[in-house]
């Protein structure tokens, strides 16, 4: 082999090595590897995503004669406050013996919503479970009742002929069919209501919800006269 051919071969081998080295550096510095590596199968990776999509939460069962859901009675639909409170009472009135998630109560509350919002709620499909709190309620086959009050915000705009805003405080209690009782839904809801014109019914068109902070559970293991874990900050 001539000197010129040997030099050409050397350059080709060097270039290939540089490409391989560059790829190795890229793989080791900053490029995420989405394959599973800790599956317990001897360290073999998988090309599948590490988080599998969850099946949507199924709807609840039709309400039976022993269902505990709110009955708002006759509501003055020309009163924006009354409509917003009726919506909140219905939307946060769960019965875990029939409802599989809060969405079931949300759908009962769409009677107080605009067509746009009602359609959006009906199309929504929860993609994960309702959470630990719901699991506790369901363990007692509990239903919830809520006290709803309307707060006057200093910076709230005045009611117009076709638009109004309400700030609601929702404080709920869960009632178990086994006699247990615990905290229910607790939140602040900022509600926008609209209507087509004077004399037409108010309807909830948009809502912003802020969950209330949960107080720490009291310690039952602390001895009398000693501070509980919750009081040591």
C-alpha atoms as a PDB file:
ATOM      1  CA  UNK A   1       0.000   0.000   0.000  1.00  0.00           C
ATOM      2  CA  UNK A   2       1.442   3.478  -0.956  1.00  0.00           C
ATOM      3  CA  UNK A   3       2.047   6.288   1.514  1.00  0.00           C
ATOM      4  CA  UNK A   4      -0.808   8.340  -0.015  1.00  0.00           C
ATOM      5  CA  UNK A   5      -3.300   5.465   0.417  1.00  0.00           C
ATOM      6  CA  UNK A   6      -2.152   4.873   3.989  1.00  0.00           C
ATOM      7  CA  UNK A   7      -2.629   8.529   4.887  1.00  0.00           C
ATOM      8  CA  UNK A   8      -6.121   8.497   3.374  1.00  0.00           C
ATOM      9  CA  UNK A   9      -7.061   5.395   5.339  1.00  0.00           C
ATOM     10  CA  UNK A  10      -5.721   6.998   8.538  1.00  0.00           C
ATOM     11  CA  UNK A  11      -7.801  10.146   7.971  1.00  0.00           C
ATOM     12  CA  UNK A  12     -10.957   8.050   7.395  1.00  0.00           C
ATOM     13  CA  UNK A  13     -10.437   6.032  10.554  1.00  0.00           C
ATOM     14  CA  UNK A  14      -9.728   9.184  12.580  1.00  0.00           C
ATOM     15  CA  UNK A  15     -12.902  10.872  11.271  1.00  0.00           C
ATOM     16  CA  UNK A  16     -15.038   7.849  12.113  1.00  0.00           C
ATOM     17  CA  UNK A  17     -13.592   7.735  15.623  1.00  0.00           C
ATOM     18  CA  UNK A  18     -14.370  11.435  16.093  1.00  0.00           C
ATOM     19  CA  UNK A  19     -17.999  10.887  15.071  1.00  0.00           C
ATOM     20  CA  UNK A  20     -18.390   7.964  17.498  1.00  0.00           C
ATOM     21  CA  UNK A  21     -16.744   9.941  20.304  1.00  0.00           C
ATOM     22  CA  UNK A  22     -18.956  12.938  19.633  1.00  0.00           C
ATOM     23  CA  UNK A  23     -22.097  10.796  19.780  1.00  0.00           C
ATOM     24  CA  UNK A  24     -20.946   9.237  23.044  1.00  0.00           C
ATOM     25  CA  UNK A  25     -20.386  12.662  24.560  1.00  0.00           C
ATOM     26  CA  UNK A  26     -23.811  13.845  23.451  1.00  0.00           C
ATOM     27  CA  UNK A  27     -25.491  10.796  24.936  1.00  0.00           C
ATOM     28  CA  UNK A  28     -23.709  11.364  28.222  1.00  0.00           C
ATOM     29  CA  UNK A  29     -24.155  15.141  28.497  1.00  0.00           C
ATOM     30  CA  UNK A  30     -27.552  16.708  28.550  1.00  0.00           C
ATOM     31  CA  UNK A  31     -29.643  14.554  26.203  1.00  0.00           C
ATOM     32  CA  UNK A  32     -32.353  12.826  28.212  1.00  0.00           C
ATOM     33  CA  UNK A  33     -32.796   9.108  27.780  1.00  0.00           C
ATOM     34  CA  UNK A  34     -36.498   8.322  28.084  1.00  0.00           C
ATOM     35  CA  UNK A  35     -36.109   4.592  28.255  1.00  0.00           C
ATOM     36  CA  UNK A  36     -36.720   2.758  31.511  1.00  0.00           C
ATOM     37  CA  UNK A  37     -33.577   1.503  33.177  1.00  0.00           C
ATOM     38  CA  UNK A  38     -34.770   0.530  36.653  1.00  0.00           C
ATOM     39  CA  UNK A  39     -37.448  -2.003  35.832  1.00  0.00           C
ATOM     40  CA  UNK A  40     -35.871  -4.804  37.880  1.00  0.00           C
ATOM     41  CA  UNK A  41     -35.385  -7.003  34.815  1.00  0.00           C
ATOM     42  CA  UNK A  42     -31.630  -7.239  35.051  1.00  0.00           C
ATOM     43  CA  UNK A  43     -30.997  -3.715  33.828  1.00  0.00           C
ATOM     44  CA  UNK A  44     -32.374  -4.144  30.320  1.00  0.00           C
ATOM     45  CA  UNK A  45     -33.957  -0.989  28.992  1.00  0.00           C
ATOM     46  CA  UNK A  46     -37.326  -0.577  27.320  1.00  0.00           C
ATOM     47  CA  UNK A  47     -38.211   1.632  24.391  1.00  0.00           C
ATOM     48  CA  UNK A  48     -41.673   2.282  25.870  1.00  0.00           C
ATOM     49  CA  UNK A  49     -42.441   5.566  27.715  1.00  0.00           C
ATOM     50  CA  UNK A  50     -41.831   5.379  31.453  1.00  0.00           C
ATOM     51  CA  UNK A  51     -45.336   6.735  32.233  1.00  0.00           C
ATOM     52  CA  UNK A  52     -48.198   4.819  30.688  1.00  0.00           C
ATOM     53  CA  UNK A  53     -51.370   6.756  29.863  1.00  0.00           C
ATOM     54  CA  UNK A  54     -54.153   6.268  32.427  1.00  0.00           C
ATOM     55  CA  UNK A  55     -57.656   5.194  31.560  1.00  0.00           C
ATOM     56  CA  UNK A  56     -60.297   7.883  32.105  1.00  0.00           C
ATOM     57  CA  UNK A  57     -62.255   7.683  35.346  1.00  0.00           C
ATOM     58  CA  UNK A  58     -65.637   6.045  34.632  1.00  0.00           C
ATOM     59  CA  UNK A  59     -68.855   7.950  35.397  1.00  0.00           C
ATOM     60  CA  UNK A  60     -70.799   7.277  38.562  1.00  0.00           C
ATOM     61  CA  UNK A  61     -73.911   5.186  38.985  1.00  0.00           C
ATOM     62  CA  UNK A  62     -77.432   6.578  38.582  1.00  0.00           C
ATOM     63  CA  UNK A  63     -78.603   8.041  41.880  1.00  0.00           C
ATOM     64  CA  UNK A  64     -80.752   5.757  43.994  1.00  0.00           C
ATOM     65  CA  UNK A  65     -83.455   6.593  46.544  1.00  0.00           C
ATOM     66  CA  UNK A  66     -80.901   6.727  49.372  1.00  0.00           C
ATOM     67  CA  UNK A  67     -78.598   9.176  47.551  1.00  0.00           C
ATOM     68  CA  UNK A  68     -77.629  12.307  49.456  1.00  0.00           C
ATOM     69  CA  UNK A  69     -77.273  15.153  46.985  1.00  0.00           C
ATOM     70  CA  UNK A  70     -78.268  18.807  47.445  1.00  0.00           C
ATOM     71  CA  UNK A  71     -81.787  19.993  46.779  1.00  0.00           C
ATOM     72  CA  UNK A  72     -81.466  23.715  46.167  1.00  0.00           C
ATOM     73  CA  UNK A  73     -85.221  24.219  45.952  1.00  0.00           C
ATOM     74  CA  UNK A  74     -86.564  27.212  44.062  1.00  0.00           C
ATOM     75  CA  UNK A  75     -83.762  29.597  43.090  1.00  0.00           C
ATOM     76  CA  UNK A  76     -84.289  33.209  42.027  1.00  0.00           C
ATOM     77  CA  UNK A  77     -82.467  33.093  38.695  1.00  0.00           C
ATOM     78  CA  UNK A  78     -82.631  36.887  38.422  1.00  0.00           C
ATOM     79  CA  UNK A  79     -80.284  37.002  41.447  1.00  0.00           C
ATOM     80  CA  UNK A  80     -76.636  36.385  40.488  1.00  0.00           C
ATOM     81  CA  UNK A  81     -75.700  35.553  44.089  1.00  0.00           C
ATOM     82  CA  UNK A  82     -78.463  32.968  44.415  1.00  0.00           C
ATOM     83  CA  UNK A  83     -77.483  31.292  41.144  1.00  0.00           C
ATOM     84  CA  UNK A  84     -73.779  31.173  42.020  1.00  0.00           C
ATOM     85  CA  UNK A  85     -74.515  29.678  45.452  1.00  0.00           C
ATOM     86  CA  UNK A  86     -76.880  27.078  43.986  1.00  0.00           C
ATOM     87  CA  UNK A  87     -74.163  26.121  41.514  1.00  0.00           C
ATOM     88  CA  UNK A  88     -71.584  25.714  44.323  1.00  0.00           C
ATOM     89  CA  UNK A  89     -73.919  23.691  46.565  1.00  0.00           C
ATOM     90  CA  UNK A  90     -74.665  21.296  43.699  1.00  0.00           C
ATOM     91  CA  UNK A  91     -71.133  21.066  42.307  1.00  0.00           C
ATOM     92  CA  UNK A  92     -69.563  20.245  45.679  1.00  0.00           C
ATOM     93  CA  UNK A  93     -72.334  17.994  46.947  1.00  0.00           C
ATOM     94  CA  UNK A  94     -70.804  14.538  46.458  1.00  0.00           C
ATOM     95  CA  UNK A  95     -72.149  11.121  47.323  1.00  0.00           C
ATOM     96  CA  UNK A  96     -69.337   8.581  47.109  1.00  0.00           C
ATOM     97  CA  UNK A  97     -71.794   5.690  47.249  1.00  0.00           C
ATOM     98  CA  UNK A  98     -72.787   6.684  43.711  1.00  0.00           C
ATOM     99  CA  UNK A  99     -70.175   9.134  42.419  1.00  0.00           C
ATOM    100  CA  UNK A 100     -66.807   7.807  41.280  1.00  0.00           C
ATOM    101  CA  UNK A 101     -65.191  11.268  41.243  1.00  0.00           C
ATOM    102  CA  UNK A 102     -66.088  14.940  41.796  1.00  0.00           C
ATOM    103  CA  UNK A 103     -66.885  15.168  38.093  1.00  0.00           C
ATOM    104  CA  UNK A 104     -70.239  13.472  38.670  1.00  0.00           C
ATOM    105  CA  UNK A 105     -71.339  16.355  40.892  1.00  0.00           C
ATOM    106  CA  UNK A 106     -69.878  18.859  38.438  1.00  0.00           C
ATOM    107  CA  UNK A 107     -72.203  17.466  35.788  1.00  0.00           C
ATOM    108  CA  UNK A 108     -75.183  17.860  38.122  1.00  0.00           C
ATOM    109  CA  UNK A 109     -74.215  21.518  38.503  1.00  0.00           C
ATOM    110  CA  UNK A 110     -74.198  22.355  34.789  1.00  0.00           C
ATOM    111  CA  UNK A 111     -77.886  23.230  35.029  1.00  0.00           C
ATOM    112  CA  UNK A 112     -76.643  26.563  36.413  1.00  0.00           C
ATOM    113  CA  UNK A 113     -74.035  27.076  33.667  1.00  0.00           C
ATOM    114  CA  UNK A 114     -74.002  28.689  30.245  1.00  0.00           C
ATOM    115  CA  UNK A 115     -74.250  26.377  27.262  1.00  0.00           C
ATOM    116  CA  UNK A 116     -70.559  26.946  26.528  1.00  0.00           C
ATOM    117  CA  UNK A 117     -69.381  25.966  29.996  1.00  0.00           C
ATOM    118  CA  UNK A 118     -71.860  23.105  30.282  1.00  0.00           C
ATOM    119  CA  UNK A 119     -70.600  21.639  26.996  1.00  0.00           C
ATOM    120  CA  UNK A 120     -66.988  21.911  28.158  1.00  0.00           C
ATOM    121  CA  UNK A 121     -67.807  20.131  31.426  1.00  0.00           C
ATOM    122  CA  UNK A 122     -69.639  17.327  29.628  1.00  0.00           C
ATOM    123  CA  UNK A 123     -66.698  16.780  27.294  1.00  0.00           C
ATOM    124  CA  UNK A 124     -64.132  16.711  30.102  1.00  0.00           C
ATOM    125  CA  UNK A 125     -62.803  13.271  31.031  1.00  0.00           C
ATOM    126  CA  UNK A 126     -60.771  12.957  34.238  1.00  0.00           C
ATOM    127  CA  UNK A 127     -57.584  11.042  33.438  1.00  0.00           C
ATOM    128  CA  UNK A 128     -56.570  10.147  36.987  1.00  0.00           C
ATOM    129  CA  UNK A 129     -58.122   9.105  40.268  1.00  0.00           C
ATOM    130  CA  UNK A 130     -59.935  11.611  42.503  1.00  0.00           C
ATOM    131  CA  UNK A 131     -57.232  11.638  45.182  1.00  0.00           C
ATOM    132  CA  UNK A 132     -56.579  10.522  48.737  1.00  0.00           C
ATOM    133  CA  UNK A 133     -59.300  12.640  50.324  1.00  0.00           C
ATOM    134  CA  UNK A 134     -61.922  11.075  48.096  1.00  0.00           C
ATOM    135  CA  UNK A 135     -60.561   7.625  48.970  1.00  0.00           C
ATOM    136  CA  UNK A 136     -61.144   8.367  52.670  1.00  0.00           C
ATOM    137  CA  UNK A 137     -64.684   9.552  51.984  1.00  0.00           C
ATOM    138  CA  UNK A 138     -65.422   6.533  49.811  1.00  0.00           C
ATOM    139  CA  UNK A 139     -64.138   4.236  52.544  1.00  0.00           C
ATOM    140  CA  UNK A 140     -66.975   5.547  54.733  1.00  0.00           C
ATOM    141  CA  UNK A 141     -69.440   5.722  51.808  1.00  0.00           C
ATOM    142  CA  UNK A 142     -69.754   9.377  52.700  1.00  0.00           C
ATOM    143  CA  UNK A 143     -71.651  12.252  51.182  1.00  0.00           C
ATOM    144  CA  UNK A 144     -70.752  15.920  51.516  1.00  0.00           C
ATOM    145  CA  UNK A 145     -72.712  19.000  52.462  1.00  0.00           C
ATOM    146  CA  UNK A 146     -71.385  22.515  52.022  1.00  0.00           C
ATOM    147  CA  UNK A 147     -72.022  25.918  53.504  1.00  0.00           C
ATOM    148  CA  UNK A 148     -71.639  28.608  50.847  1.00  0.00           C
ATOM    149  CA  UNK A 149     -71.261  32.301  51.584  1.00  0.00           C
ATOM    150  CA  UNK A 150     -70.685  35.202  49.225  1.00  0.00           C
ATOM    151  CA  UNK A 151     -67.922  37.656  50.105  1.00  0.00           C
ATOM    152  CA  UNK A 152     -67.902  41.232  48.893  1.00  0.00           C
ATOM    153  CA  UNK A 153     -64.525  41.963  47.323  1.00  0.00           C
ATOM    154  CA  UNK A 154     -63.335  45.569  47.611  1.00  0.00           C
ATOM    155  CA  UNK A 155     -61.955  45.552  44.082  1.00  0.00           C
ATOM    156  CA  UNK A 156     -64.811  43.602  42.504  1.00  0.00           C
ATOM    157  CA  UNK A 157     -66.444  45.372  39.554  1.00  0.00           C
ATOM    158  CA  UNK A 158     -70.087  46.359  40.023  1.00  0.00           C
ATOM    159  CA  UNK A 159     -72.752  44.223  38.411  1.00  0.00           C
ATOM    160  CA  UNK A 160     -73.577  45.104  34.829  1.00  0.00           C
ATOM    161  CA  UNK A 161     -76.757  44.349  32.968  1.00  0.00           C
ATOM    162  CA  UNK A 162     -75.206  41.208  31.455  1.00  0.00           C
ATOM    163  CA  UNK A 163     -72.196  40.329  33.601  1.00  0.00           C
ATOM    164  CA  UNK A 164     -71.566  39.862  37.325  1.00  0.00           C
ATOM    165  CA  UNK A 165     -68.825  38.456  39.536  1.00  0.00           C
ATOM    166  CA  UNK A 166     -69.115  36.656  42.849  1.00  0.00           C
ATOM    167  CA  UNK A 167     -66.523  35.505  45.378  1.00  0.00           C
ATOM    168  CA  UNK A 168     -67.707  32.398  47.225  1.00  0.00           C
ATOM    169  CA  UNK A 169     -66.370  30.658  50.312  1.00  0.00           C
ATOM    170  CA  UNK A 170     -67.224  26.941  50.352  1.00  0.00           C
ATOM    171  CA  UNK A 171     -66.840  25.012  53.617  1.00  0.00           C
ATOM    172  CA  UNK A 172     -67.942  21.394  53.554  1.00  0.00           C
ATOM    173  CA  UNK A 173     -68.429  18.402  55.831  1.00  0.00           C
ATOM    174  CA  UNK A 174     -68.292  14.728  54.907  1.00  0.00           C
ATOM    175  CA  UNK A 175     -70.859  12.400  56.517  1.00  0.00           C
ATOM    176  CA  UNK A 176     -70.136   8.665  56.511  1.00  0.00           C
ATOM    177  CA  UNK A 177     -72.898   6.134  56.319  1.00  0.00           C
ATOM    178  CA  UNK A 178     -71.073   4.376  59.161  1.00  0.00           C
ATOM    179  CA  UNK A 179     -71.420   7.395  61.463  1.00  0.00           C
ATOM    180  CA  UNK A 180     -68.001   8.870  60.671  1.00  0.00           C
ATOM    181  CA  UNK A 181     -67.698  12.629  60.060  1.00  0.00           C
ATOM    182  CA  UNK A 182     -64.814  14.608  58.607  1.00  0.00           C
ATOM    183  CA  UNK A 183     -63.836  17.653  56.613  1.00  0.00           C
ATOM    184  CA  UNK A 184     -65.435  18.073  53.212  1.00  0.00           C
ATOM    185  CA  UNK A 185     -64.588  20.367  50.267  1.00  0.00           C
ATOM    186  CA  UNK A 186     -63.080  23.681  51.364  1.00  0.00           C
ATOM    187  CA  UNK A 187     -62.232  26.339  48.821  1.00  0.00           C
ATOM    188  CA  UNK A 188     -62.742  29.805  47.432  1.00  0.00           C
ATOM    189  CA  UNK A 189     -64.495  30.094  44.089  1.00  0.00           C
ATOM    190  CA  UNK A 190     -64.365  33.243  41.967  1.00  0.00           C
ATOM    191  CA  UNK A 191     -67.363  33.054  39.667  1.00  0.00           C
ATOM    192  CA  UNK A 192     -68.211  34.969  36.518  1.00  0.00           C
ATOM    193  CA  UNK A 193     -71.899  35.017  35.604  1.00  0.00           C
ATOM    194  CA  UNK A 194     -73.521  36.260  32.413  1.00  0.00           C
ATOM    195  CA  UNK A 195     -77.000  36.610  30.987  1.00  0.00           C
ATOM    196  CA  UNK A 196     -78.434  37.542  27.609  1.00  0.00           C
ATOM    197  CA  UNK A 197     -80.202  40.609  28.937  1.00  0.00           C
ATOM    198  CA  UNK A 198     -82.202  42.126  31.770  1.00  0.00           C
ATOM    199  CA  UNK A 199     -84.871  39.670  32.874  1.00  0.00           C
ATOM    200  CA  UNK A 200     -82.990  36.633  31.562  1.00  0.00           C
ATOM    201  CA  UNK A 201     -81.568  34.092  34.019  1.00  0.00           C
ATOM    202  CA  UNK A 202     -77.997  34.423  35.282  1.00  0.00           C
ATOM    203  CA  UNK A 203     -75.673  31.571  34.398  1.00  0.00           C
ATOM    204  CA  UNK A 204     -72.168  30.618  35.538  1.00  0.00           C
ATOM    205  CA  UNK A 205     -69.761  31.135  32.637  1.00  0.00           C
ATOM    206  CA  UNK A 206     -66.326  30.826  34.229  1.00  0.00           C
ATOM    207  CA  UNK A 207     -64.875  29.817  37.601  1.00  0.00           C
ATOM    208  CA  UNK A 208     -61.467  30.091  39.260  1.00  0.00           C
ATOM    209  CA  UNK A 209     -61.051  27.821  42.294  1.00  0.00           C
ATOM    210  CA  UNK A 210     -58.456  28.147  45.062  1.00  0.00           C
ATOM    211  CA  UNK A 211     -58.374  25.189  47.440  1.00  0.00           C
ATOM    212  CA  UNK A 212     -58.238  26.139  51.112  1.00  0.00           C
ATOM    213  CA  UNK A 213     -55.239  25.034  53.158  1.00  0.00           C
ATOM    214  CA  UNK A 214     -55.973  22.014  55.312  1.00  0.00           C
ATOM    215  CA  UNK A 215     -55.274  22.380  59.043  1.00  0.00           C
ATOM    216  CA  UNK A 216     -52.802  19.806  60.397  1.00  0.00           C
ATOM    217  CA  UNK A 217     -54.371  16.723  61.878  1.00  0.00           C
ATOM    218  CA  UNK A 218     -54.192  16.656  65.680  1.00  0.00           C
ATOM    219  CA  UNK A 219     -51.727  14.218  67.178  1.00  0.00           C
ATOM    220  CA  UNK A 220     -53.310  11.391  69.147  1.00  0.00           C
ATOM    221  CA  UNK A 221     -50.058   9.854  70.350  1.00  0.00           C
ATOM    222  CA  UNK A 222     -48.675  12.797  72.358  1.00  0.00           C
ATOM    223  CA  UNK A 223     -48.919  12.520  76.111  1.00  0.00           C
ATOM    224  CA  UNK A 224     -50.773  15.083  78.210  1.00  0.00           C
ATOM    225  CA  UNK A 225     -48.676  18.187  78.834  1.00  0.00           C
ATOM    226  CA  UNK A 226     -46.189  17.474  76.039  1.00  0.00           C
ATOM    227  CA  UNK A 227     -46.263  19.311  72.715  1.00  0.00           C
ATOM    228  CA  UNK A 228     -47.622  17.396  69.769  1.00  0.00           C
ATOM    229  CA  UNK A 229     -45.687  16.960  66.525  1.00  0.00           C
ATOM    230  CA  UNK A 230     -47.949  19.490  64.847  1.00  0.00           C
ATOM    231  CA  UNK A 231     -47.042  22.220  67.362  1.00  0.00           C
ATOM    232  CA  UNK A 232     -43.295  21.883  66.914  1.00  0.00           C
ATOM    233  CA  UNK A 233     -42.370  24.219  64.085  1.00  0.00           C
END
